[in-house]
Amino acid sequence: MSANSPDGARRVEVVLVKAGRTKIRYPAELLSDDGTRVAVRAPWAGDAVRDFGFVRFEAGDVFTEYYWRDRWYSVKEVRDAGGGLKGWYCDITRPAVLTGGELVVEDLDLDLWRSADGTDVRRLDEDEFAASGLAERDPGAAARAMAALDELENLARGGGFEALTA
């Protein structure tokens, strides 16, 4: 389904699940769905400013989010209220599932940040991932998650990152 279809823009609920429980749920505009990659746009869904030290997510920020049915990550382009690019926040996840009006994604704790200018690429939450016990419960999924993080980091450092969202 394309956002340019005759019936106009379609809304979906993005549902982020973590450790078997819904972490956050928010409405988003479906921009495109080519059968493999789903793109949505939504304003910052947090209740308050989230200051990571290297970037702040706050009211007015707009996230254009890319999810794959065959990849173990999502990529979120973050822009400020004026349209300026802040960077990309990436979640390591199981492949996304779009059913009806819900886009469900299981967060696996690992994250990656890439600044707008590409000079700041950082792996995040590796301690949370280790503490999650996924490596013991599901070693295959843990290996796929680590491989996905490595792939994203290589793309972010090697210049192939923007092609993910083109």
C-alpha atoms as a PDB file:
ATOM      1  CA  MET A   1       0.000   0.000   0.000  1.00  0.00           C
ATOM      2  CA  SER A   2       1.371   3.371  -0.908  1.00  0.00           C
ATOM      3  CA  ALA A   3       0.547   6.536   0.956  1.00  0.00           C
ATOM      4  CA  ASN A   4      -0.347   7.953  -2.460  1.00  0.00           C
ATOM      5  CA  SER A   5      -3.138   5.441  -3.007  1.00  0.00           C
ATOM      6  CA  PRO A   6      -6.598   6.762  -3.948  1.00  0.00           C
ATOM      7  CA  ASP A   7      -7.953   6.281  -0.427  1.00  0.00           C
ATOM      8  CA  GLY A   8      -5.376   8.721   0.937  1.00  0.00           C
ATOM      9  CA  ALA A   9      -2.977   8.418   3.840  1.00  0.00           C
ATOM     10  CA  ARG A  10      -3.504   5.427   6.093  1.00  0.00           C
ATOM     11  CA  ARG A  11      -2.939   5.468   9.825  1.00  0.00           C
ATOM     12  CA  VAL A  12      -1.322   2.619  11.705  1.00  0.00           C
ATOM     13  CA  GLU A  13      -0.482   2.033  15.348  1.00  0.00           C
ATOM     14  CA  VAL A  14       3.192   1.331  15.956  1.00  0.00           C
ATOM     15  CA  VAL A  15       3.475  -1.124  18.841  1.00  0.00           C
ATOM     16  CA  LEU A  16       6.917  -1.550  20.377  1.00  0.00           C
ATOM     17  CA  VAL A  17       7.114  -4.699  22.496  1.00  0.00           C
ATOM     18  CA  LYS A  18       9.935  -5.385  24.933  1.00  0.00           C
ATOM     19  CA  ALA A  19      10.311  -8.506  27.066  1.00  0.00           C
ATOM     20  CA  GLY A  20       6.817  -9.619  26.082  1.00  0.00           C
ATOM     21  CA  ARG A  21       5.085  -6.387  27.156  1.00  0.00           C
ATOM     22  CA  THR A  22       4.021  -3.329  25.219  1.00  0.00           C
ATOM     23  CA  LYS A  23       6.616  -0.627  25.859  1.00  0.00           C
ATOM     24  CA  ILE A  24       4.923   2.098  23.815  1.00  0.00           C
ATOM     25  CA  ARG A  25       2.103   2.423  21.298  1.00  0.00           C
ATOM     26  CA  TYR A  26       1.583   5.447  19.067  1.00  0.00           C
ATOM     27  CA  PRO A  27      -0.262   6.461  15.899  1.00  0.00           C
ATOM     28  CA  ALA A  28       1.689   6.997  12.706  1.00  0.00           C
ATOM     29  CA  GLU A  29       1.005   7.809   9.081  1.00  0.00           C
ATOM     30  CA  LEU A  30       1.794   4.946   6.721  1.00  0.00           C
ATOM     31  CA  LEU A  31       4.037   6.374   4.010  1.00  0.00           C
ATOM     32  CA  SER A  32       4.768   3.191   2.072  1.00  0.00           C
ATOM     33  CA  ASP A  33       4.737  -0.583   2.218  1.00  0.00           C
ATOM     34  CA  ASP A  34       6.505  -2.448  -0.586  1.00  0.00           C
ATOM     35  CA  GLY A  35       5.971  -5.863   0.975  1.00  0.00           C
ATOM     36  CA  THR A  36       9.403  -5.907   2.602  1.00  0.00           C
ATOM     37  CA  ARG A  37       9.951  -2.418   4.012  1.00  0.00           C
ATOM     38  CA  VAL A  38       7.318  -0.359   5.797  1.00  0.00           C
ATOM     39  CA  ALA A  39       7.802   3.395   6.254  1.00  0.00           C
ATOM     40  CA  VAL A  40       5.785   5.512   8.683  1.00  0.00           C
ATOM     41  CA  ARG A  41       5.961   9.063  10.033  1.00  0.00           C
ATOM     42  CA  ALA A  42       5.043  10.159  13.534  1.00  0.00           C
ATOM     43  CA  PRO A  43       5.771  12.974  15.962  1.00  0.00           C
ATOM     44  CA  TRP A  44       7.913  12.243  19.028  1.00  0.00           C
ATOM     45  CA  ALA A  45       5.718   9.939  21.109  1.00  0.00           C
ATOM     46  CA  GLY A  46       7.415  10.396  24.463  1.00  0.00           C
ATOM     47  CA  ASP A  47       5.746  12.108  27.391  1.00  0.00           C
ATOM     48  CA  ALA A  48       8.756  14.304  28.084  1.00  0.00           C
ATOM     49  CA  VAL A  49      12.109  15.345  26.659  1.00  0.00           C
ATOM     50  CA  ARG A  50      14.522  12.428  26.394  1.00  0.00           C
ATOM     51  CA  ASP A  51      18.071  13.725  26.696  1.00  0.00           C
ATOM     52  CA  PHE A  52      20.714  11.146  25.823  1.00  0.00           C
ATOM     53  CA  GLY A  53      23.572  13.628  26.170  1.00  0.00           C
ATOM     54  CA  PHE A  54      24.435  13.370  22.480  1.00  0.00           C
ATOM     55  CA  VAL A  55      20.874  14.115  21.213  1.00  0.00           C
ATOM     56  CA  ARG A  56      17.556  15.260  22.665  1.00  0.00           C
ATOM     57  CA  PHE A  57      14.181  13.962  21.547  1.00  0.00           C
ATOM     58  CA  GLU A  58      11.475  16.481  22.318  1.00  0.00           C
ATOM     59  CA  ALA A  59       8.062  17.862  21.398  1.00  0.00           C
ATOM     60  CA  GLY A  60       8.025  18.916  17.760  1.00  0.00           C
ATOM     61  CA  ASP A  61      10.520  16.280  16.602  1.00  0.00           C
ATOM     62  CA  VAL A  62       9.335  14.170  13.688  1.00  0.00           C
ATOM     63  CA  PHE A  63      10.406  10.567  13.174  1.00  0.00           C
ATOM     64  CA  THR A  64      10.331   8.914   9.763  1.00  0.00           C
ATOM     65  CA  GLU A  65      10.657   5.259  10.643  1.00  0.00           C
ATOM     66  CA  TYR A  66      11.669   2.334   8.446  1.00  0.00           C
ATOM     67  CA  TYR A  67      10.854  -1.250   9.400  1.00  0.00           C
ATOM     68  CA  TRP A  68      11.675  -4.447   7.549  1.00  0.00           C
ATOM     69  CA  ARG A  69       9.925  -7.789   7.476  1.00  0.00           C
ATOM     70  CA  ASP A  70      13.230  -9.518   6.686  1.00  0.00           C
ATOM     71  CA  ARG A  71      15.784  -7.568   8.746  1.00  0.00           C
ATOM     72  CA  TRP A  72      16.504  -7.450  12.446  1.00  0.00           C
ATOM     73  CA  TYR A  73      16.471  -3.676  12.849  1.00  0.00           C
ATOM     74  CA  SER A  74      14.531  -0.473  12.300  1.00  0.00           C
ATOM     75  CA  VAL A  75      15.939   2.921  11.311  1.00  0.00           C
ATOM     76  CA  LYS A  76      14.360   6.159  12.510  1.00  0.00           C
ATOM     77  CA  GLU A  77      15.302   9.429  10.855  1.00  0.00           C
ATOM     78  CA  VAL A  78      14.894  12.195  13.443  1.00  0.00           C
ATOM     79  CA  ARG A  79      14.198  15.804  12.481  1.00  0.00           C
ATOM     80  CA  ASP A  80      13.560  18.799  14.702  1.00  0.00           C
ATOM     81  CA  ALA A  81      10.434  20.964  14.511  1.00  0.00           C
ATOM     82  CA  GLY A  82      12.076  23.150  11.850  1.00  0.00           C
ATOM     83  CA  GLY A  83      12.926  20.169   9.644  1.00  0.00           C
ATOM     84  CA  GLY A  84      16.627  20.034  10.523  1.00  0.00           C
ATOM     85  CA  LEU A  85      18.102  16.549  10.560  1.00  0.00           C
ATOM     86  CA  LYS A  86      19.295  15.464  14.014  1.00  0.00           C
ATOM     87  CA  GLY A  87      20.338  11.973  12.957  1.00  0.00           C
ATOM     88  CA  TRP A  88      19.187   8.369  12.929  1.00  0.00           C
ATOM     89  CA  TYR A  89      18.222   6.241  15.901  1.00  0.00           C
ATOM     90  CA  CYS A  90      18.227   2.526  15.140  1.00  0.00           C
ATOM     91  CA  ASP A  91      16.624  -0.231  17.170  1.00  0.00           C
ATOM     92  CA  ILE A  92      17.714  -3.837  16.919  1.00  0.00           C
ATOM     93  CA  THR A  93      14.448  -5.770  16.659  1.00  0.00           C
ATOM     94  CA  ARG A  94      12.925  -8.932  15.358  1.00  0.00           C
ATOM     95  CA  PRO A  95      11.475  -8.449  11.855  1.00  0.00           C
ATOM     96  CA  ALA A  96       8.368  -6.232  11.867  1.00  0.00           C
ATOM     97  CA  VAL A  97       4.834  -7.571  11.468  1.00  0.00           C
ATOM     98  CA  LEU A  98       2.082  -5.404   9.948  1.00  0.00           C
ATOM     99  CA  THR A  99      -1.354  -6.862  10.580  1.00  0.00           C
ATOM    100  CA  GLY A 100      -4.413  -4.768   9.920  1.00  0.00           C
ATOM    101  CA  GLY A 101      -3.741  -1.421  11.518  1.00  0.00           C
ATOM    102  CA  GLU A 102      -0.896  -2.499  13.808  1.00  0.00           C
ATOM    103  CA  LEU A 103       2.823  -2.509  13.074  1.00  0.00           C
ATOM    104  CA  VAL A 104       4.321  -4.684  15.813  1.00  0.00           C
ATOM    105  CA  VAL A 105       8.052  -4.685  16.507  1.00  0.00           C
ATOM    106  CA  GLU A 106       9.903  -6.548  19.256  1.00  0.00           C
ATOM    107  CA  ASP A 107      12.759  -4.478  20.691  1.00  0.00           C
ATOM    108  CA  LEU A 108      15.870  -6.535  21.543  1.00  0.00           C
ATOM    109  CA  ASP A 109      17.556  -3.825  23.678  1.00  0.00           C
ATOM    110  CA  LEU A 110      20.467  -2.986  21.356  1.00  0.00           C
ATOM    111  CA  ASP A 111      20.482   0.414  19.642  1.00  0.00           C
ATOM    112  CA  LEU A 112      22.693   2.508  17.394  1.00  0.00           C
ATOM    113  CA  TRP A 113      22.882   6.283  16.934  1.00  0.00           C
ATOM    114  CA  ARG A 114      24.302   8.076  13.905  1.00  0.00           C
ATOM    115  CA  SER A 115      24.479  11.862  13.938  1.00  0.00           C
ATOM    116  CA  ALA A 116      23.335  13.907  10.952  1.00  0.00           C
ATOM    117  CA  ASP A 117      26.915  14.621   9.875  1.00  0.00           C
ATOM    118  CA  GLY A 118      28.007  11.016  10.408  1.00  0.00           C
ATOM    119  CA  THR A 119      30.820  11.884  12.813  1.00  0.00           C
ATOM    120  CA  ASP A 120      29.101  10.329  15.839  1.00  0.00           C
ATOM    121  CA  VAL A 121      28.244   6.643  15.499  1.00  0.00           C
ATOM    122  CA  ARG A 122      27.666   4.845  18.761  1.00  0.00           C
ATOM    123  CA  ARG A 123      26.396   1.494  19.939  1.00  0.00           C
ATOM    124  CA  LEU A 124      23.927   1.764  22.802  1.00  0.00           C
ATOM    125  CA  ASP A 125      22.498  -0.450  25.527  1.00  0.00           C
ATOM    126  CA  GLU A 126      24.841  -3.411  25.119  1.00  0.00           C
ATOM    127  CA  ASP A 127      24.673  -3.816  28.910  1.00  0.00           C
ATOM    128  CA  GLU A 128      20.858  -4.054  28.779  1.00  0.00           C
ATOM    129  CA  PHE A 129      21.129  -6.635  26.008  1.00  0.00           C
ATOM    130  CA  ALA A 130      23.530  -8.749  28.070  1.00  0.00           C
ATOM    131  CA  ALA A 131      21.288  -8.478  31.128  1.00  0.00           C
ATOM    132  CA  SER A 132      18.173  -9.424  29.133  1.00  0.00           C
ATOM    133  CA  GLY A 133      19.172 -13.087  29.066  1.00  0.00           C
ATOM    134  CA  LEU A 134      18.342 -13.428  25.362  1.00  0.00           C
ATOM    135  CA  ALA A 135      21.672 -15.129  24.658  1.00  0.00           C
ATOM    136  CA  GLU A 136      20.724 -17.897  27.074  1.00  0.00           C
ATOM    137  CA  ARG A 137      17.022 -18.144  26.150  1.00  0.00           C
ATOM    138  CA  ASP A 138      17.382 -17.830  22.383  1.00  0.00           C
ATOM    139  CA  PRO A 139      21.020 -17.958  21.217  1.00  0.00           C
ATOM    140  CA  GLY A 140      19.998 -17.803  17.552  1.00  0.00           C
ATOM    141  CA  ALA A 141      18.047 -14.582  18.034  1.00  0.00           C
ATOM    142  CA  ALA A 142      20.885 -13.100  20.089  1.00  0.00           C
ATOM    143  CA  ALA A 143      23.357 -13.875  17.313  1.00  0.00           C
ATOM    144  CA  ARG A 144      21.041 -12.312  14.705  1.00  0.00           C
ATOM    145  CA  ALA A 145      20.688  -9.222  16.899  1.00  0.00           C
ATOM    146  CA  MET A 146      24.455  -8.792  17.252  1.00  0.00           C
ATOM    147  CA  ALA A 147      24.936  -9.342  13.505  1.00  0.00           C
ATOM    148  CA  ALA A 148      22.282  -6.681  12.800  1.00  0.00           C
ATOM    149  CA  LEU A 149      24.048  -4.197  15.091  1.00  0.00           C
ATOM    150  CA  ASP A 150      27.376  -4.906  13.361  1.00  0.00           C
ATOM    151  CA  GLU A 151      25.735  -4.450   9.940  1.00  0.00           C
ATOM    152  CA  LEU A 152      24.202  -1.107  10.904  1.00  0.00           C
ATOM    153  CA  GLU A 153      27.443   0.149  12.413  1.00  0.00           C
ATOM    154  CA  ASN A 154      29.376  -0.814   9.282  1.00  0.00           C
ATOM    155  CA  LEU A 155      26.824   0.958   7.078  1.00  0.00           C
ATOM    156  CA  ALA A 156      26.851   4.036   9.335  1.00  0.00           C
ATOM    157  CA  ARG A 157      30.648   4.283   9.272  1.00  0.00           C
ATOM    158  CA  GLY A 158      31.113   3.217   5.656  1.00  0.00           C
ATOM    159  CA  GLY A 159      28.829   5.600   3.812  1.00  0.00           C
ATOM    160  CA  GLY A 160      26.078   3.146   2.845  1.00  0.00           C
ATOM    161  CA  PHE A 161      23.658   4.197   5.550  1.00  0.00           C
ATOM    162  CA  GLU A 162      21.512   6.671   3.617  1.00  0.00           C
ATOM    163  CA  ALA A 163      20.595   3.978   1.084  1.00  0.00           C
ATOM    164  CA  LEU A 164      18.533   2.262   3.801  1.00  0.00           C
ATOM    165  CA  THR A 165      16.028   5.092   3.773  1.00  0.00           C
ATOM    166  CA  ALA A 166      16.120   6.010   0.072  1.00  0.00           C
END
